């Protein structure tokens, strides 16, 4: 397996890389869910939610 050589990132272990990727994925999922939820509320507001 080839070693990743990125100049501006030092001491990157596979565990750190995995954690970073996991956090990014979770962040993207969270933003997507919030965006979808916002769109659903705008299109079809649930009962009791009156602006």
C-alpha atoms as a PDB file:
ATOM      1  CA  UNK A   1       0.000   0.000   0.000  1.00  0.00           C
ATOM      2  CA  UNK A   2       1.419   3.346  -1.043  1.00  0.00           C
ATOM      3  CA  UNK A   3       2.171   5.881   1.625  1.00  0.00           C
ATOM      4  CA  UNK A   4       0.447   9.241   1.344  1.00  0.00           C
ATOM      5  CA  UNK A   5       2.954  12.063   1.072  1.00  0.00           C
ATOM      6  CA  UNK A   6       1.238  15.406   1.559  1.00  0.00           C
ATOM      7  CA  UNK A   7       3.646  18.250   2.374  1.00  0.00           C
ATOM      8  CA  UNK A   8       1.359  20.350   4.570  1.00  0.00           C
ATOM      9  CA  UNK A   9      -0.005  17.441   6.591  1.00  0.00           C
ATOM     10  CA  UNK A  10       2.475  15.727   8.884  1.00  0.00           C
ATOM     11  CA  UNK A  11       2.070  12.750  11.193  1.00  0.00           C
ATOM     12  CA  UNK A  12      -1.110  11.612   9.477  1.00  0.00           C
ATOM     13  CA  UNK A  13      -1.949   8.102  10.598  1.00  0.00           C
ATOM     14  CA  UNK A  14      -4.687   6.008   8.984  1.00  0.00           C
ATOM     15  CA  UNK A  15      -6.712   6.411  12.188  1.00  0.00           C
ATOM     16  CA  UNK A  16      -6.545  10.203  11.989  1.00  0.00           C
ATOM     17  CA  UNK A  17      -7.395  10.087   8.293  1.00  0.00           C
ATOM     18  CA  UNK A  18     -10.354   7.779   8.991  1.00  0.00           C
ATOM     19  CA  UNK A  19     -11.592  10.082  11.766  1.00  0.00           C
ATOM     20  CA  UNK A  20     -11.293  13.116   9.509  1.00  0.00           C
ATOM     21  CA  UNK A  21     -13.172  11.418   6.674  1.00  0.00           C
ATOM     22  CA  UNK A  22     -15.878  10.228   9.087  1.00  0.00           C
ATOM     23  CA  UNK A  23     -16.360  13.735  10.479  1.00  0.00           C
ATOM     24  CA  UNK A  24     -16.597  15.207   6.979  1.00  0.00           C
ATOM     25  CA  UNK A  25     -19.143  12.578   5.924  1.00  0.00           C
ATOM     26  CA  UNK A  26     -21.251  13.162   9.041  1.00  0.00           C
ATOM     27  CA  UNK A  27     -21.118  16.915   8.466  1.00  0.00           C
ATOM     28  CA  UNK A  28     -22.265  16.514   4.862  1.00  0.00           C
ATOM     29  CA  UNK A  29     -25.114  14.202   5.923  1.00  0.00           C
ATOM     30  CA  UNK A  30     -26.183  16.641   8.639  1.00  0.00           C
ATOM     31  CA  UNK A  31     -26.192  19.623   6.257  1.00  0.00           C
ATOM     32  CA  UNK A  32     -28.116  17.604   3.659  1.00  0.00           C
ATOM     33  CA  UNK A  33     -30.732  16.514   6.206  1.00  0.00           C
ATOM     34  CA  UNK A  34     -31.166  20.065   7.486  1.00  0.00           C
ATOM     35  CA  UNK A  35     -31.532  21.354   3.917  1.00  0.00           C
ATOM     36  CA  UNK A  36     -34.117  18.665   3.056  1.00  0.00           C
ATOM     37  CA  UNK A  37     -35.996  19.338   6.301  1.00  0.00           C
ATOM     38  CA  UNK A  38     -36.038  23.079   5.577  1.00  0.00           C
ATOM     39  CA  UNK A  39     -37.342  22.466   2.057  1.00  0.00           C
ATOM     40  CA  UNK A  40     -40.080  20.155   3.372  1.00  0.00           C
ATOM     41  CA  UNK A  41     -41.187  22.743   5.950  1.00  0.00           C
ATOM     42  CA  UNK A  42     -41.282  25.471   3.289  1.00  0.00           C
ATOM     43  CA  UNK A  43     -43.218  23.310   0.814  1.00  0.00           C
ATOM     44  CA  UNK A  44     -45.506  21.525   3.277  1.00  0.00           C
ATOM     45  CA  UNK A  45     -45.503  22.996   6.793  1.00  0.00           C
ATOM     46  CA  UNK A  46     -46.580  20.558   9.512  1.00  0.00           C
ATOM     47  CA  UNK A  47     -49.807  21.387  11.386  1.00  0.00           C
ATOM     48  CA  UNK A  48     -49.304  23.747  14.287  1.00  0.00           C
ATOM     49  CA  UNK A  49     -46.291  25.445  12.719  1.00  0.00           C
ATOM     50  CA  UNK A  50     -47.636  28.849  11.741  1.00  0.00           C
ATOM     51  CA  UNK A  51     -45.112  31.580  10.993  1.00  0.00           C
END
